[in-house]
């Protein structure tokens, strides 16, 4: 079976972070004997890695596109009045996907994100008059919204029109959580096409038996209790609330260190906030953590925190569970699908530093409970959230759709 995956900026090596969850998935699909190709919106050059063919844009696509404005006929009228740059990008990417459909003759298209990938895949198959099954996986920004921080493409009615069209024309829609399922169900006529398939983690790579001492030694915090999170520094991920919670915790005890991984537009602001709160000597901002090191950070920690304001899934929580760590997470989006309050961690209201601090302190003051809940989390990760189980379900869905055609 030949699968063409449409994923604009996924990395093409195990070390690259962008959309690493897509890379992990396509590699495992290839290991199951599927012929997997990925259409990217990059100009770095084609490559074959881990049995997967990655196809990048060609410069001649730009010239060809200027002669083909008739591509606009597939657009809902409400989606056309917007920035020419986004329209141009979609058309350019669609041209690339069309070329690959003609070259590879895939049995199925799988787009990660409804926009731009889902829209691009749909418009390409319409242009070619193809009846290839289209699968769309929703990941968060393309379906959920959080107006208070400008999160979610559907805050724009023009883009919402594209997302709604894609979900209704797709043959199947994959969602990881009940929150995303409910949001998608509100936009489609046929709810039966939505498949609830939890995201997965490599439970061999993320496991409690790793040595976390190398991380503790790196920051000279061998004798500290360690709180860890790794997120892109954007408003939606609530890092500022974790810093406010850290202040409350450090007012009560000083044997605690906070490791905050990730980069992003608010990193400088968060560093300044830590200084203003007088806690910067207890906070370690790592910047981007190399992908291969992330499991060691989890194992080095005592508690992992996910303080998001919105979250389609929250893979950092799954990774923490696989490493046997208790999780304190916001009660939003897909996090309640993973964190069972009082069993493998705690759920708190978003934007509530005191609740975050209280639950983190509970684990610090009750290490036996932290260990118990961490072990429960590992059990859940193995039983429900192993990536191999997710890929099994996806392969089964592929076969059903291809046989139906």
Foldseek 3Di string as FASTA:
>chain_A
DEEEEEDADDDDACFDDDPNLVVVLQLVVVVVVYAYEYEYADDPAWDADSNYTYHYADPCLLVVLVVPPVLCPVADPLQPPDDVVQVSSLSSSLSSVLVVCVVPVGQAYEYEALPPRLLSNVSNCVVVVHPRAYEYEHFFQRFDDDVVQGGHPVVDVSSVRSSLVSLAPHQAYEAAAPLSLVRSVVRYPDSVRYDHFHAADALVLQAQPDALVVVCVVLVLPQAAEEEEEDAPGVQQQVLLQLVLVLVLVVPPPRYAYEYEEYYDCPVVSCVSCVVSVNNSRYHYDYHDGPSCVSSNLSNHQEYEGQGNEGQAPVRLLSNLSNLFAYEYEPHHRPCVQHPDQQQYHYDHHPDSNVVNVRVVVCVVPVVSRNRSSPSSSVCNVPRHHNVVSSVVVVVVSVVSSVVD
